[in-house]
Amino acid sequence: MTKGSRFTDEFKRDAVAQVVERGYAVSEVAERLGISTKSLYTWKAQFSKPPHVRAEVLDQAAEIRRLKRELARVTEERTILKKATAYFARESQ
């Protein structure tokens, strides 16, 4: 393996979660996992998003859900109009 890829992203995220979400000290987690505190701080910066970024992601997810609902509605309307057009075309002949 190359330098810097000794640990999987899953391992790194779990280590960061112990600090950020569970409130353990960086030095305690680093010692328990057998890694340097420098590595853990680097991973924390890499995997922890600032609150404003998280809020933006949530807003985008809500917008995507709204657009998907709208797309489904418009697709259904189009299907109904196609069927109505075909029906009236047959009736007029």
PDB file of N, CA and C in Angstrom:
ATOM      1  N   MET A   1       0.831  -1.190   0.000  1.00  0.00           N
ATOM      2  CA  MET A   1       0.000   0.000   0.000  1.00  0.00           C
ATOM      3  C   MET A   1       0.871   1.247   0.000  1.00  0.00           C
ATOM      4  N   THR A   2       0.315   2.320  -0.510  1.00  0.00           N
ATOM      5  CA  THR A   2       1.054   3.569  -0.521  1.00  0.00           C
ATOM      6  C   THR A   2       0.892   4.278   0.811  1.00  0.00           C
ATOM      7  N   LYS A   3       1.771   5.210   1.039  1.00  0.00           N
ATOM      8  CA  LYS A   3       1.714   5.981   2.273  1.00  0.00           C
ATOM      9  C   LYS A   3       0.393   6.744   2.328  1.00  0.00           C
ATOM     10  N   GLY A   4      -0.276   6.709   3.465  1.00  0.00           N
ATOM     11  CA  GLY A   4      -1.517   7.440   3.633  1.00  0.00           C
ATOM     12  C   GLY A   4      -2.764   6.605   3.379  1.00  0.00           C
ATOM     13  N   SER A   5      -2.623   5.396   2.895  1.00  0.00           N
ATOM     14  CA  SER A   5      -3.805   4.576   2.642  1.00  0.00           C
ATOM     15  C   SER A   5      -3.798   3.327   3.518  1.00  0.00           C
ATOM     16  N   ARG A   6      -3.193   3.444   4.667  1.00  0.00           N
ATOM     17  CA  ARG A   6      -3.100   2.305   5.572  1.00  0.00           C
ATOM     18  C   ARG A   6      -4.448   1.959   6.191  1.00  0.00           C
ATOM     19  N   PHE A   7      -5.304   2.956   6.332  1.00  0.00           N
ATOM     20  CA  PHE A   7      -6.598   2.760   6.967  1.00  0.00           C
ATOM     21  C   PHE A   7      -7.715   3.030   5.957  1.00  0.00           C
ATOM     22  N   THR A   8      -8.794   2.279   6.075  1.00  0.00           N
ATOM     23  CA  THR A   8      -9.934   2.473   5.171  1.00  0.00           C
ATOM     24  C   THR A   8     -10.696   3.738   5.562  1.00  0.00           C
ATOM     25  N   ASP A   9     -11.474   4.255   4.621  1.00  0.00           N
ATOM     26  CA  ASP A   9     -12.306   5.426   4.920  1.00  0.00           C
ATOM     27  C   ASP A   9     -13.309   5.112   6.025  1.00  0.00           C
ATOM     28  N   GLU A  10     -13.810   3.890   6.038  1.00  0.00           N
ATOM     29  CA  GLU A  10     -14.761   3.488   7.080  1.00  0.00           C
ATOM     30  C   GLU A  10     -14.114   3.581   8.461  1.00  0.00           C
ATOM     31  N   PHE A  11     -12.871   3.106   8.566  1.00  0.00           N
ATOM     32  CA  PHE A  11     -12.143   3.173   9.832  1.00  0.00           C
ATOM     33  C   PHE A  11     -11.954   4.632  10.251  1.00  0.00           C
ATOM     34  N   LYS A  12     -11.561   5.458   9.280  1.00  0.00           N
ATOM     35  CA  LYS A  12     -11.322   6.874   9.564  1.00  0.00           C
ATOM     36  C   LYS A  12     -12.610   7.559  10.022  1.00  0.00           C
ATOM     37  N   ARG A  13     -13.712   7.289   9.317  1.00  0.00           N
ATOM     38  CA  ARG A  13     -14.997   7.903   9.683  1.00  0.00           C
ATOM     39  C   ARG A  13     -15.437   7.460  11.078  1.00  0.00           C
ATOM     40  N   ASP A  14     -15.221   6.193  11.399  1.00  0.00           N
ATOM     41  CA  ASP A  14     -15.587   5.696  12.718  1.00  0.00           C
ATOM     42  C   ASP A  14     -14.757   6.382  13.797  1.00  0.00           C
ATOM     43  N   ALA A  15     -13.471   6.551  13.534  1.00  0.00           N
ATOM     44  CA  ALA A  15     -12.601   7.233  14.497  1.00  0.00           C
ATOM     45  C   ALA A  15     -13.065   8.673  14.705  1.00  0.00           C
ATOM     46  N   VAL A  16     -13.391   9.358  13.621  1.00  0.00           N
ATOM     47  CA  VAL A  16     -13.873  10.741  13.711  1.00  0.00           C
ATOM     48  C   VAL A  16     -15.204  10.785  14.455  1.00  0.00           C
ATOM     49  N   ALA A  17     -16.085   9.820  14.198  1.00  0.00           N
ATOM     50  CA  ALA A  17     -17.386   9.780  14.866  1.00  0.00           C
ATOM     51  C   ALA A  17     -17.229   9.633  16.375  1.00  0.00           C
ATOM     52  N   GLN A  18     -16.229   8.883  16.805  1.00  0.00           N
ATOM     53  CA  GLN A  18     -16.001   8.729  18.240  1.00  0.00           C
ATOM     54  C   GLN A  18     -15.680  10.067  18.890  1.00  0.00           C
ATOM     55  N   VAL A  19     -14.986  10.914  18.162  1.00  0.00           N
ATOM     56  CA  VAL A  19     -14.622  12.230  18.696  1.00  0.00           C
ATOM     57  C   VAL A  19     -15.789  13.204  18.559  1.00  0.00           C
ATOM     58  N   VAL A  20     -16.341  13.292  17.354  1.00  0.00           N
ATOM     59  CA  VAL A  20     -17.347  14.315  17.059  1.00  0.00           C
ATOM     60  C   VAL A  20     -18.709  13.979  17.660  1.00  0.00           C
ATOM     61  N   GLU A  21     -19.177  12.755  17.449  1.00  0.00           N
ATOM     62  CA  GLU A  21     -20.534  12.401  17.858  1.00  0.00           C
ATOM     63  C   GLU A  21     -20.616  11.858  19.282  1.00  0.00           C
ATOM     64  N   ARG A  22     -19.606  11.123  19.699  1.00  0.00           N
ATOM     65  CA  ARG A  22     -19.664  10.494  21.021  1.00  0.00           C
ATOM     66  C   ARG A  22     -18.930  11.284  22.095  1.00  0.00           C
ATOM     67  N   GLY A  23     -18.170  12.297  21.685  1.00  0.00           N
ATOM     68  CA  GLY A  23     -17.545  13.198  22.643  1.00  0.00           C
ATOM     69  C   GLY A  23     -16.265  12.723  23.302  1.00  0.00           C
ATOM     70  N   TYR A  24     -15.637  11.692  22.767  1.00  0.00           N
ATOM     71  CA  TYR A  24     -14.365  11.239  23.332  1.00  0.00           C
ATOM     72  C   TYR A  24     -13.251  12.210  22.954  1.00  0.00           C
ATOM     73  N   ALA A  25     -12.208  12.258  23.786  1.00  0.00           N
ATOM     74  CA  ALA A  25     -11.056  13.119  23.513  1.00  0.00           C
ATOM     75  C   ALA A  25     -10.243  12.532  22.359  1.00  0.00           C
ATOM     76  N   VAL A  26      -9.668  13.417  21.557  1.00  0.00           N
ATOM     77  CA  VAL A  26      -8.860  12.984  20.416  1.00  0.00           C
ATOM     78  C   VAL A  26      -7.711  12.102  20.888  1.00  0.00           C
ATOM     79  N   SER A  27      -7.042  12.514  21.947  1.00  0.00           N
ATOM     80  CA  SER A  27      -5.894  11.734  22.440  1.00  0.00           C
ATOM     81  C   SER A  27      -6.324  10.344  22.903  1.00  0.00           C
ATOM     82  N   GLU A  28      -7.487  10.260  23.534  1.00  0.00           N
ATOM     83  CA  GLU A  28      -7.997   8.971  24.017  1.00  0.00           C
ATOM     84  C   GLU A  28      -8.319   8.034  22.848  1.00  0.00           C
ATOM     85  N   VAL A  29      -9.009   8.547  21.846  1.00  0.00           N
ATOM     86  CA  VAL A  29      -9.372   7.735  20.678  1.00  0.00           C
ATOM     87  C   VAL A  29      -8.118   7.317  19.922  1.00  0.00           C
ATOM     88  N   ALA A  30      -7.195   8.258  19.742  1.00  0.00           N
ATOM     89  CA  ALA A  30      -5.962   7.957  19.011  1.00  0.00           C
ATOM     90  C   ALA A  30      -5.168   6.860  19.713  1.00  0.00           C
ATOM     91  N   GLU A  31      -5.055   6.959  21.019  1.00  0.00           N
ATOM     92  CA  GLU A  31      -4.310   5.945  21.772  1.00  0.00           C
ATOM     93  C   GLU A  31      -5.002   4.587  21.693  1.00  0.00           C
ATOM     94  N   ARG A  32      -6.313   4.581  21.844  1.00  0.00           N
ATOM     95  CA  ARG A  32      -7.071   3.333  21.809  1.00  0.00           C
ATOM     96  C   ARG A  32      -6.972   2.641  20.448  1.00  0.00           C
ATOM     97  N   LEU A  33      -6.957   3.433  19.366  1.00  0.00           N
ATOM     98  CA  LEU A  33      -6.910   2.868  18.016  1.00  0.00           C
ATOM     99  C   LEU A  33      -5.490   2.674  17.494  1.00  0.00           C
ATOM    100  N   GLY A  34      -4.511   3.176  18.238  1.00  0.00           N
ATOM    101  CA  GLY A  34      -3.121   3.012  17.816  1.00  0.00           C
ATOM    102  C   GLY A  34      -2.741   3.898  16.640  1.00  0.00           C
ATOM    103  N   ILE A  35      -3.277   5.113  16.630  1.00  0.00           N
ATOM    104  CA  ILE A  35      -2.962   6.073  15.566  1.00  0.00           C
ATOM    105  C   ILE A  35      -2.454   7.355  16.207  1.00  0.00           C
ATOM    106  N   SER A  36      -1.865   8.219  15.404  1.00  0.00           N
ATOM    107  CA  SER A  36      -1.375   9.484  15.951  1.00  0.00           C
ATOM    108  C   SER A  36      -2.527  10.485  16.051  1.00  0.00           C
ATOM    109  N   THR A  37      -2.381  11.408  16.987  1.00  0.00           N
ATOM    110  CA  THR A  37      -3.406  12.445  17.120  1.00  0.00           C
ATOM    111  C   THR A  37      -3.426  13.323  15.872  1.00  0.00           C
ATOM    112  N   LYS A  38      -2.262  13.507  15.255  1.00  0.00           N
ATOM    113  CA  LYS A  38      -2.190  14.300  14.019  1.00  0.00           C
ATOM    114  C   LYS A  38      -3.064  13.681  12.933  1.00  0.00           C
ATOM    115  N   SER A  39      -2.986  12.360  12.798  1.00  0.00           N
ATOM    116  CA  SER A  39      -3.817  11.671  11.802  1.00  0.00           C
ATOM    117  C   SER A  39      -5.294  11.878  12.100  1.00  0.00           C
ATOM    118  N   LEU A  40      -5.660  11.743  13.365  1.00  0.00           N
ATOM    119  CA  LEU A  40      -7.065  11.882  13.743  1.00  0.00           C
ATOM    120  C   LEU A  40      -7.570  13.303  13.495  1.00  0.00           C
ATOM    121  N   TYR A  41      -6.747  14.305  13.796  1.00  0.00           N
ATOM    122  CA  TYR A  41      -7.145  15.686  13.504  1.00  0.00           C
ATOM    123  C   TYR A  41      -7.299  15.904  11.997  1.00  0.00           C
ATOM    124  N   THR A  42      -6.401  15.305  11.221  1.00  0.00           N
ATOM    125  CA  THR A  42      -6.488  15.416   9.759  1.00  0.00           C
ATOM    126  C   THR A  42      -7.775  14.777   9.260  1.00  0.00           C
ATOM    127  N   TRP A  43      -8.089  13.589   9.753  1.00  0.00           N
ATOM    128  CA  TRP A  43      -9.316  12.894   9.343  1.00  0.00           C
ATOM    129  C   TRP A  43     -10.549  13.681   9.772  1.00  0.00           C
ATOM    130  N   LYS A  44     -10.467  14.276  10.963  1.00  0.00           N
ATOM    131  CA  LYS A  44     -11.595  15.067  11.465  1.00  0.00           C
ATOM    132  C   LYS A  44     -11.866  16.235  10.529  1.00  0.00           C
ATOM    133  N   ALA A  45     -10.823  16.909  10.100  1.00  0.00           N
ATOM    134  CA  ALA A  45     -10.982  18.019   9.155  1.00  0.00           C
ATOM    135  C   ALA A  45     -11.506  17.522   7.814  1.00  0.00           C
ATOM    136  N   GLN A  46     -11.076  16.345   7.422  1.00  0.00           N
ATOM    137  CA  GLN A  46     -11.470  15.784   6.129  1.00  0.00           C
ATOM    138  C   GLN A  46     -12.931  15.336   6.123  1.00  0.00           C
ATOM    139  N   PHE A  47     -13.392  14.710   7.195  1.00  0.00           N
ATOM    140  CA  PHE A  47     -14.714  14.093   7.198  1.00  0.00           C
ATOM    141  C   PHE A  47     -15.788  14.884   7.929  1.00  0.00           C
ATOM    142  N   SER A  48     -15.426  15.893   8.678  1.00  0.00           N
ATOM    143  CA  SER A  48     -16.420  16.690   9.394  1.00  0.00           C
ATOM    144  C   SER A  48     -16.785  17.902   8.555  1.00  0.00           C
ATOM    145  N   LYS A  49     -18.048  17.995   8.208  1.00  0.00           N
ATOM    146  CA  LYS A  49     -18.506  19.143   7.427  1.00  0.00           C
ATOM    147  C   LYS A  49     -19.001  20.220   8.384  1.00  0.00           C
ATOM    148  N   PRO A  50     -18.759  21.480   8.052  1.00  0.00           N
ATOM    149  CA  PRO A  50     -19.277  22.560   8.879  1.00  0.00           C
ATOM    150  C   PRO A  50     -20.807  22.554   8.865  1.00  0.00           C
ATOM    151  N   PRO A  51     -21.439  23.066   9.910  1.00  0.00           N
ATOM    152  CA  PRO A  51     -22.906  23.052   9.989  1.00  0.00           C
ATOM    153  C   PRO A  51     -23.594  23.705   8.791  1.00  0.00           C
ATOM    154  N   HIS A  52     -23.038  24.799   8.259  1.00  0.00           N
ATOM    155  CA  HIS A  52     -23.703  25.463   7.137  1.00  0.00           C
ATOM    156  C   HIS A  52     -23.685  24.593   5.888  1.00  0.00           C
ATOM    157  N   VAL A  53     -22.663  23.753   5.752  1.00  0.00           N
ATOM    158  CA  VAL A  53     -22.602  22.837   4.603  1.00  0.00           C
ATOM    159  C   VAL A  53     -23.652  21.743   4.774  1.00  0.00           C
ATOM    160  N   ARG A  54     -23.794  21.231   6.003  1.00  0.00           N
ATOM    161  CA  ARG A  54     -24.807  20.202   6.266  1.00  0.00           C
ATOM    162  C   ARG A  54     -26.201  20.747   5.992  1.00  0.00           C
ATOM    163  N   ALA A  55     -26.467  21.981   6.414  1.00  0.00           N
ATOM    164  CA  ALA A  55     -27.776  22.590   6.180  1.00  0.00           C
ATOM    165  C   ALA A  55     -28.032  22.735   4.685  1.00  0.00           C
ATOM    166  N   GLU A  56     -26.995  23.111   3.951  1.00  0.00           N
ATOM    167  CA  GLU A  56     -27.133  23.255   2.498  1.00  0.00           C
ATOM    168  C   GLU A  56     -27.451  21.906   1.853  1.00  0.00           C
ATOM    169  N   VAL A  57     -26.806  20.862   2.319  1.00  0.00           N
ATOM    170  CA  VAL A  57     -27.060  19.518   1.785  1.00  0.00           C
ATOM    171  C   VAL A  57     -28.499  19.098   2.084  1.00  0.00           C
ATOM    172  N   LEU A  58     -28.978  19.379   3.289  1.00  0.00           N
ATOM    173  CA  LEU A  58     -30.358  19.047   3.638  1.00  0.00           C
ATOM    174  C   LEU A  58     -31.343  19.824   2.776  1.00  0.00           C
ATOM    175  N   ASP A  59     -31.048  21.101   2.527  1.00  0.00           N
ATOM    176  CA  ASP A  59     -31.908  21.906   1.655  1.00  0.00           C
ATOM    177  C   ASP A  59     -31.940  21.329   0.248  1.00  0.00           C
ATOM    178  N   GLN A  60     -30.797  20.912  -0.245  1.00  0.00           N
ATOM    179  CA  GLN A  60     -30.735  20.331  -1.588  1.00  0.00           C
ATOM    180  C   GLN A  60     -31.506  19.018  -1.647  1.00  0.00           C
ATOM    181  N   ALA A  61     -31.420  18.223  -0.601  1.00  0.00           N
ATOM    182  CA  ALA A  61     -32.155  16.955  -0.563  1.00  0.00           C
ATOM    183  C   ALA A  61     -33.658  17.210  -0.570  1.00  0.00           C
ATOM    184  N   ALA A  62     -34.099  18.218   0.169  1.00  0.00           N
ATOM    185  CA  ALA A  62     -35.524  18.565   0.178  1.00  0.00           C
ATOM    186  C   ALA A  62     -35.967  19.037  -1.203  1.00  0.00           C
ATOM    187  N   GLU A  63     -35.146  19.827  -1.857  1.00  0.00           N
ATOM    188  CA  GLU A  63     -35.462  20.309  -3.204  1.00  0.00           C
ATOM    189  C   GLU A  63     -35.540  19.142  -4.190  1.00  0.00           C
ATOM    190  N   ILE A  64     -34.649  18.186  -4.061  1.00  0.00           N
ATOM    191  CA  ILE A  64     -34.669  17.007  -4.938  1.00  0.00           C
ATOM    192  C   ILE A  64     -35.961  16.219  -4.730  1.00  0.00           C
ATOM    193  N   ARG A  65     -36.364  16.021  -3.463  1.00  0.00           N
ATOM    194  CA  ARG A  65     -37.619  15.308  -3.197  1.00  0.00           C
ATOM    195  C   ARG A  65     -38.803  16.044  -3.806  1.00  0.00           C
ATOM    196  N   ARG A  66     -38.832  17.371  -3.674  1.00  0.00           N
ATOM    197  CA  ARG A  66     -39.916  18.171  -4.233  1.00  0.00           C
ATOM    198  C   ARG A  66     -39.956  18.035  -5.748  1.00  0.00           C
ATOM    199  N   LEU A  67     -38.799  18.114  -6.379  1.00  0.00           N
ATOM    200  CA  LEU A  67     -38.735  18.012  -7.836  1.00  0.00           C
ATOM    201  C   LEU A  67     -39.140  16.621  -8.325  1.00  0.00           C
ATOM    202  N   LYS A  68     -38.800  15.595  -7.572  1.00  0.00           N
ATOM    203  CA  LYS A  68     -39.212  14.237  -7.951  1.00  0.00           C
ATOM    204  C   LYS A  68     -40.730  14.096  -7.884  1.00  0.00           C
ATOM    205  N   ARG A  69     -41.347  14.663  -6.844  1.00  0.00           N
ATOM    206  CA  ARG A  69     -42.813  14.627  -6.744  1.00  0.00           C
ATOM    207  C   ARG A  69     -43.443  15.368  -7.911  1.00  0.00           C
ATOM    208  N   GLU A  70     -42.899  16.537  -8.224  1.00  0.00           N
ATOM    209  CA  GLU A  70     -43.425  17.324  -9.339  1.00  0.00           C
ATOM    210  C   GLU A  70     -43.259  16.576 -10.660  1.00  0.00           C
ATOM    211  N   LEU A  71     -42.123  15.939 -10.854  1.00  0.00           N
ATOM    212  CA  LEU A  71     -41.890  15.167 -12.074  1.00  0.00           C
ATOM    213  C   LEU A  71     -42.900  14.028 -12.193  1.00  0.00           C
ATOM    214  N   ALA A  72     -43.171  13.339 -11.096  1.00  0.00           N
ATOM    215  CA  ALA A  72     -44.146  12.244 -11.120  1.00  0.00           C
ATOM    216  C   ALA A  72     -45.527  12.770 -11.489  1.00  0.00           C
ATOM    217  N   ARG A  73     -45.907  13.921 -10.936  1.00  0.00           N
ATOM    218  CA  ARG A  73     -47.212  14.515 -11.233  1.00  0.00           C
ATOM    219  C   ARG A  73     -47.314  14.897 -12.701  1.00  0.00           C
ATOM    220  N   VAL A  74     -46.300  15.554 -13.221  1.00  0.00           N
ATOM    221  CA  VAL A  74     -46.306  15.996 -14.619  1.00  0.00           C
ATOM    222  C   VAL A  74     -46.277  14.794 -15.566  1.00  0.00           C
ATOM    223  N   THR A  75     -45.540  13.764 -15.202  1.00  0.00           N
ATOM    224  CA  THR A  75     -45.502  12.548 -16.025  1.00  0.00           C
ATOM    225  C   THR A  75     -46.882  11.904 -16.074  1.00  0.00           C
ATOM    226  N   GLU A  76     -47.561  11.866 -14.941  1.00  0.00           N
ATOM    227  CA  GLU A  76     -48.918  11.305 -14.901  1.00  0.00           C
ATOM    228  C   GLU A  76     -49.874  12.140 -15.754  1.00  0.00           C
ATOM    229  N   GLU A  77     -49.767  13.456 -15.660  1.00  0.00           N
ATOM    230  CA  GLU A  77     -50.610  14.333 -16.487  1.00  0.00           C
ATOM    231  C   GLU A  77     -50.359  14.082 -17.968  1.00  0.00           C
ATOM    232  N   ARG A  78     -49.106  13.952 -18.349  1.00  0.00           N
ATOM    233  CA  ARG A  78     -48.767  13.709 -19.747  1.00  0.00           C
ATOM    234  C   ARG A  78     -49.353  12.393 -20.235  1.00  0.00           C
ATOM    235  N   THR A  79     -49.271  11.363 -19.405  1.00  0.00           N
ATOM    236  CA  THR A  79     -49.818  10.059 -19.768  1.00  0.00           C
ATOM    237  C   THR A  79     -51.329  10.150 -19.970  1.00  0.00           C
ATOM    238  N   ILE A  80     -52.010  10.846 -19.096  1.00  0.00           N
ATOM    239  CA  ILE A  80     -53.464  11.022 -19.217  1.00  0.00           C
ATOM    240  C   ILE A  80     -53.797  11.776 -20.493  1.00  0.00           C
ATOM    241  N   LEU A  81     -53.055  12.834 -20.786  1.00  0.00           N
ATOM    242  CA  LEU A  81     -53.312  13.613 -22.003  1.00  0.00           C
ATOM    243  C   LEU A  81     -53.057  12.787 -23.261  1.00  0.00           C
ATOM    244  N   LYS A  82     -52.041  11.949 -23.250  1.00  0.00           N
ATOM    245  CA  LYS A  82     -51.773  11.071 -24.401  1.00  0.00           C
ATOM    246  C   LYS A  82     -52.946  10.132 -24.638  1.00  0.00           C
ATOM    247  N   LYS A  83     -53.458   9.541 -23.558  1.00  0.00           N
ATOM    248  CA  LYS A  83     -54.590   8.623 -23.676  1.00  0.00           C
ATOM    249  C   LYS A  83     -55.831   9.360 -24.171  1.00  0.00           C
ATOM    250  N   ALA A  84     -56.058  10.556 -23.663  1.00  0.00           N
ATOM    251  CA  ALA A  84     -57.222  11.338 -24.091  1.00  0.00           C
ATOM    252  C   ALA A  84     -57.103  11.711 -25.563  1.00  0.00           C
ATOM    253  N   THR A  85     -55.924  12.083 -26.001  1.00  0.00           N
ATOM    254  CA  THR A  85     -55.700  12.431 -27.408  1.00  0.00           C
ATOM    255  C   THR A  85     -55.973  11.229 -28.298  1.00  0.00           C
ATOM    256  N   ALA A  86     -55.485  10.077 -27.911  1.00  0.00           N
ATOM    257  CA  ALA A  86     -55.716   8.856 -28.695  1.00  0.00           C
ATOM    258  C   ALA A  86     -57.198   8.517 -28.726  1.00  0.00           C
ATOM    259  N   TYR A  87     -57.897   8.676 -27.618  1.00  0.00           N
ATOM    260  CA  TYR A  87     -59.331   8.381 -27.551  1.00  0.00           C
ATOM    261  C   TYR A  87     -60.116   9.301 -28.479  1.00  0.00           C
ATOM    262  N   PHE A  88     -59.865  10.598 -28.392  1.00  0.00           N
ATOM    263  CA  PHE A  88     -60.610  11.545 -29.226  1.00  0.00           C
ATOM    264  C   PHE A  88     -60.244  11.420 -30.700  1.00  0.00           C
ATOM    265  N   ALA A  89     -59.039  11.007 -31.002  1.00  0.00           N
ATOM    266  CA  ALA A  89     -58.645  10.792 -32.396  1.00  0.00           C
ATOM    267  C   ALA A  89     -59.437   9.625 -32.985  1.00  0.00           C
ATOM    268  N   ARG A  90     -59.662   8.578 -32.200  1.00  0.00           N
ATOM    269  CA  ARG A  90     -60.460   7.432 -32.664  1.00  0.00           C
ATOM    270  C   ARG A  90     -61.923   7.816 -32.819  1.00  0.00           C
ATOM    271  N   GLU A  91     -62.437   8.605 -31.892  1.00  0.00           N
ATOM    272  CA  GLU A  91     -63.848   9.001 -31.920  1.00  0.00           C
ATOM    273  C   GLU A  91     -64.172   9.902 -33.107  1.00  0.00           C
ATOM    274  N   SER A  92     -63.232  10.718 -33.523  1.00  0.00           N
ATOM    275  CA  SER A  92     -63.512  11.670 -34.609  1.00  0.00           C
ATOM    276  C   SER A  92     -63.459  11.025 -35.984  1.00  0.00           C
ATOM    277  N   GLN A  93     -63.000   9.804 -36.074  1.00  0.00           N
ATOM    278  CA  GLN A  93     -62.907   9.141 -37.385  1.00  0.00           C
ATOM    279  C   GLN A  93     -64.158   8.439 -37.740  1.00  0.00           C
TER     280      GLN A  93
END
